[in-house]
Amino acid sequence: MAPPKKDDVGGDPGNNGWNAWANHVLLELKRLNGSIESLNKEVGDVRLEIAQLKVKSGIWGGIAGMASIILVLGGNYLKNIGESKVQEPTPVPYHYQHSGPTSSIPPASPTPIASNQPISVPSSQPNPIVTGKIP
């Protein structure tokens, strides 16, 4: 509804229709106030739902974090259990330990060899690289 013009005739002859316009404006303001109040209530409800979702996501995130920590720690525990069950080496049979003078394995050196000393391995055949004679 448009506001009345000065030369409009209607309503009270002294007001030129301004009473009807004032009533219309008041009703429109009340209607807008009601819709603003309903929007404020809806915004409050949305804020409450967002807060609830934040709490739920925090709880689920904590549960997922704890589950991953438990899985990692449990895996490490099981891995350590498996590694702790190392079997003792089987003893060498007696006839291998005392094979006598025909053994081709040289006796172990009681003292370590310095890194600048050449290593000599007993051999029944001469080394062709050292002698320079290739068969």
C-alpha atoms as a PDB file:
ATOM      1  CA  MET A   1       0.000   0.000   0.000  1.00  0.00           C
ATOM      2  CA  ALA A   2       1.386   3.367  -0.983  1.00  0.00           C
ATOM      3  CA  PRO A   3       1.235   6.334   1.381  1.00  0.00           C
ATOM      4  CA  PRO A   4      -1.677   8.678   0.765  1.00  0.00           C
ATOM      5  CA  LYS A   5      -1.184  11.921  -1.106  1.00  0.00           C
ATOM      6  CA  LYS A   6      -2.223  15.249   0.301  1.00  0.00           C
ATOM      7  CA  ASP A   7      -5.223  15.550  -1.941  1.00  0.00           C
ATOM      8  CA  ASP A   8      -6.529  12.009  -1.179  1.00  0.00           C
ATOM      9  CA  VAL A   9     -10.024  11.959   0.191  1.00  0.00           C
ATOM     10  CA  GLY A  10     -10.996   9.281   2.691  1.00  0.00           C
ATOM     11  CA  GLY A  11     -11.131   8.590   6.359  1.00  0.00           C
ATOM     12  CA  ASP A  12     -11.110  11.624   8.553  1.00  0.00           C
ATOM     13  CA  PRO A  13     -11.437  14.798   6.495  1.00  0.00           C
ATOM     14  CA  GLY A  14      -8.810  16.514   8.638  1.00  0.00           C
ATOM     15  CA  ASN A  15      -6.118  13.791   8.292  1.00  0.00           C
ATOM     16  CA  ASN A  16      -6.336  13.111   4.540  1.00  0.00           C
ATOM     17  CA  GLY A  17      -6.081   9.243   5.056  1.00  0.00           C
ATOM     18  CA  TRP A  18      -2.971   9.290   7.241  1.00  0.00           C
ATOM     19  CA  ASN A  19      -4.688   7.268  10.026  1.00  0.00           C
ATOM     20  CA  ALA A  20      -5.203   4.308   7.696  1.00  0.00           C
ATOM     21  CA  TRP A  21      -1.571   4.569   6.572  1.00  0.00           C
ATOM     22  CA  ALA A  22      -0.316   4.726  10.185  1.00  0.00           C
ATOM     23  CA  ASN A  23      -2.331   1.576  11.022  1.00  0.00           C
ATOM     24  CA  HIS A  24      -0.871  -0.186   8.003  1.00  0.00           C
ATOM     25  CA  VAL A  25       2.706   0.762   9.011  1.00  0.00           C
ATOM     26  CA  LEU A  26       2.141  -0.431  12.608  1.00  0.00           C
ATOM     27  CA  LEU A  27       0.766  -3.772  11.425  1.00  0.00           C
ATOM     28  CA  GLU A  28       3.709  -4.204   9.056  1.00  0.00           C
ATOM     29  CA  LEU A  29       6.200  -3.427  11.854  1.00  0.00           C
ATOM     30  CA  LYS A  30       4.529  -6.022  14.109  1.00  0.00           C
ATOM     31  CA  ARG A  31       4.685  -8.610  11.322  1.00  0.00           C
ATOM     32  CA  LEU A  32       8.386  -7.907  10.683  1.00  0.00           C
ATOM     33  CA  ASN A  33       9.116  -8.018  14.416  1.00  0.00           C
ATOM     34  CA  GLY A  34       7.499 -11.473  14.623  1.00  0.00           C
ATOM     35  CA  SER A  35       9.557 -12.774  11.697  1.00  0.00           C
ATOM     36  CA  ILE A  36      12.767 -11.358  13.229  1.00  0.00           C
ATOM     37  CA  GLU A  37      11.970 -13.098  16.533  1.00  0.00           C
ATOM     38  CA  SER A  38      11.370 -16.414  14.747  1.00  0.00           C
ATOM     39  CA  LEU A  39      14.683 -15.994  12.863  1.00  0.00           C
ATOM     40  CA  ASN A  40      16.485 -15.297  16.161  1.00  0.00           C
ATOM     41  CA  LYS A  41      14.974 -18.483  17.613  1.00  0.00           C
ATOM     42  CA  GLU A  42      16.097 -20.494  14.558  1.00  0.00           C
ATOM     43  CA  VAL A  43      19.624 -19.029  14.766  1.00  0.00           C
ATOM     44  CA  GLY A  44      19.763 -20.024  18.443  1.00  0.00           C
ATOM     45  CA  ASP A  45      18.672 -23.568  17.540  1.00  0.00           C
ATOM     46  CA  VAL A  46      21.341 -23.768  14.818  1.00  0.00           C
ATOM     47  CA  ARG A  47      24.002 -22.570  17.272  1.00  0.00           C
ATOM     48  CA  LEU A  48      22.918 -25.244  19.743  1.00  0.00           C
ATOM     49  CA  GLU A  49      23.107 -27.948  17.049  1.00  0.00           C
ATOM     50  CA  ILE A  50      26.587 -26.730  16.005  1.00  0.00           C
ATOM     51  CA  ALA A  51      27.777 -26.923  19.616  1.00  0.00           C
ATOM     52  CA  GLN A  52      26.387 -30.467  19.904  1.00  0.00           C
ATOM     53  CA  LEU A  53      28.156 -31.488  16.684  1.00  0.00           C
ATOM     54  CA  LYS A  54      31.435 -30.011  17.942  1.00  0.00           C
ATOM     55  CA  VAL A  55      31.177 -32.091  21.110  1.00  0.00           C
ATOM     56  CA  LYS A  56      30.316 -35.248  19.155  1.00  0.00           C
ATOM     57  CA  SER A  57      33.173 -34.718  16.708  1.00  0.00           C
ATOM     58  CA  GLY A  58      35.577 -34.163  19.598  1.00  0.00           C
ATOM     59  CA  ILE A  59      34.453 -37.387  21.254  1.00  0.00           C
ATOM     60  CA  TRP A  60      34.739 -39.393  18.021  1.00  0.00           C
ATOM     61  CA  GLY A  61      38.134 -37.845  17.281  1.00  0.00           C
ATOM     62  CA  GLY A  62      39.345 -38.818  20.741  1.00  0.00           C
ATOM     63  CA  ILE A  63      38.067 -42.359  20.285  1.00  0.00           C
ATOM     64  CA  ALA A  64      39.789 -42.645  16.894  1.00  0.00           C
ATOM     65  CA  GLY A  65      43.036 -41.260  18.323  1.00  0.00           C
ATOM     66  CA  MET A  66      42.951 -43.683  21.244  1.00  0.00           C
ATOM     67  CA  ALA A  67      42.201 -46.591  18.903  1.00  0.00           C
ATOM     68  CA  SER A  68      45.182 -45.755  16.707  1.00  0.00           C
ATOM     69  CA  ILE A  69      47.466 -45.441  19.749  1.00  0.00           C
ATOM     70  CA  ILE A  70      46.222 -48.765  21.101  1.00  0.00           C
ATOM     71  CA  LEU A  71      46.811 -50.438  17.728  1.00  0.00           C
ATOM     72  CA  VAL A  72      50.345 -49.078  17.445  1.00  0.00           C
ATOM     73  CA  LEU A  73      51.257 -50.012  21.015  1.00  0.00           C
ATOM     74  CA  GLY A  74      49.650 -53.440  20.637  1.00  0.00           C
ATOM     75  CA  GLY A  75      51.548 -54.056  17.403  1.00  0.00           C
ATOM     76  CA  ASN A  76      54.830 -53.072  19.017  1.00  0.00           C
ATOM     77  CA  TYR A  77      54.065 -55.304  21.999  1.00  0.00           C
ATOM     78  CA  LEU A  78      53.317 -58.282  19.767  1.00  0.00           C
ATOM     79  CA  LYS A  79      56.430 -57.573  17.710  1.00  0.00           C
ATOM     80  CA  ASN A  80      58.559 -57.508  20.859  1.00  0.00           C
ATOM     81  CA  ILE A  81      57.029 -60.767  22.074  1.00  0.00           C
ATOM     82  CA  GLY A  82      57.899 -62.412  18.755  1.00  0.00           C
ATOM     83  CA  GLU A  83      61.472 -61.135  18.894  1.00  0.00           C
ATOM     84  CA  SER A  84      61.975 -62.252  22.490  1.00  0.00           C
ATOM     85  CA  LYS A  85      61.356 -65.883  21.556  1.00  0.00           C
ATOM     86  CA  VAL A  86      64.730 -66.284  19.859  1.00  0.00           C
ATOM     87  CA  GLN A  87      65.687 -69.943  19.708  1.00  0.00           C
ATOM     88  CA  GLU A  88      68.942 -71.141  21.159  1.00  0.00           C
ATOM     89  CA  PRO A  89      71.349 -72.330  18.472  1.00  0.00           C
ATOM     90  CA  THR A  90      71.426 -76.074  18.134  1.00  0.00           C
ATOM     91  CA  PRO A  91      74.656 -77.569  19.458  1.00  0.00           C
ATOM     92  CA  VAL A  92      77.181 -78.833  16.928  1.00  0.00           C
ATOM     93  CA  PRO A  93      77.410 -82.634  16.965  1.00  0.00           C
ATOM     94  CA  TYR A  94      80.521 -84.074  18.589  1.00  0.00           C
ATOM     95  CA  HIS A  95      81.941 -85.667  15.451  1.00  0.00           C
ATOM     96  CA  TYR A  96      81.911 -82.230  13.704  1.00  0.00           C
ATOM     97  CA  GLN A  97      83.704 -80.550  16.595  1.00  0.00           C
ATOM     98  CA  HIS A  98      86.563 -83.095  16.669  1.00  0.00           C
ATOM     99  CA  SER A  99      87.148 -84.028  13.071  1.00  0.00           C
ATOM    100  CA  GLY A 100      90.859 -84.566  13.554  1.00  0.00           C
ATOM    101  CA  PRO A 101      93.950 -83.578  11.535  1.00  0.00           C
ATOM    102  CA  THR A 102      92.262 -83.999   8.142  1.00  0.00           C
ATOM    103  CA  SER A 103      90.131 -80.910   8.694  1.00  0.00           C
ATOM    104  CA  SER A 104      90.436 -78.251   5.991  1.00  0.00           C
ATOM    105  CA  ILE A 105      89.314 -75.475   8.331  1.00  0.00           C
ATOM    106  CA  PRO A 106      92.276 -73.535   9.749  1.00  0.00           C
ATOM    107  CA  PRO A 107      92.366 -73.036  13.505  1.00  0.00           C
ATOM    108  CA  ALA A 108      91.023 -69.733  14.776  1.00  0.00           C
ATOM    109  CA  SER A 109      93.594 -67.060  15.529  1.00  0.00           C
ATOM    110  CA  PRO A 110      93.642 -66.178  19.251  1.00  0.00           C
ATOM    111  CA  THR A 111      94.729 -62.604  18.528  1.00  0.00           C
ATOM    112  CA  PRO A 112      92.985 -60.261  16.111  1.00  0.00           C
ATOM    113  CA  ILE A 113      94.788 -59.386  12.898  1.00  0.00           C
ATOM    114  CA  ALA A 114      95.633 -55.717  12.410  1.00  0.00           C
ATOM    115  CA  SER A 115      94.030 -54.069   9.432  1.00  0.00           C
ATOM    116  CA  ASN A 116      97.379 -53.328   7.734  1.00  0.00           C
ATOM    117  CA  GLN A 117      98.615 -56.947   7.840  1.00  0.00           C
ATOM    118  CA  PRO A 118      97.943 -59.269   4.900  1.00  0.00           C
ATOM    119  CA  ILE A 119      95.669 -62.214   5.531  1.00  0.00           C
ATOM    120  CA  SER A 120      97.127 -65.598   4.646  1.00  0.00           C
ATOM    121  CA  VAL A 121      94.948 -68.617   4.061  1.00  0.00           C
ATOM    122  CA  PRO A 122      96.674 -72.047   4.023  1.00  0.00           C
ATOM    123  CA  SER A 123      96.216 -73.751   0.711  1.00  0.00           C
ATOM    124  CA  SER A 124      97.531 -76.914  -0.910  1.00  0.00           C
ATOM    125  CA  GLN A 125      97.598 -75.225  -4.364  1.00  0.00           C
ATOM    126  CA  PRO A 126      99.716 -72.123  -5.079  1.00  0.00           C
ATOM    127  CA  ASN A 127      97.799 -68.974  -5.924  1.00  0.00           C
ATOM    128  CA  PRO A 128      98.233 -68.278  -9.696  1.00  0.00           C
ATOM    129  CA  ILE A 129      97.919 -64.522  -9.207  1.00  0.00           C
ATOM    130  CA  VAL A 130     100.750 -64.440  -6.656  1.00  0.00           C
ATOM    131  CA  THR A 131     103.064 -66.809  -8.547  1.00  0.00           C
ATOM    132  CA  GLY A 132     102.288 -65.377 -11.958  1.00  0.00           C
ATOM    133  CA  LYS A 133     101.806 -68.838 -13.447  1.00  0.00           C
ATOM    134  CA  ILE A 134      98.351 -69.572 -14.789  1.00  0.00           C
ATOM    135  CA  PRO A 135      97.753 -73.298 -15.404  1.00  0.00           C
END
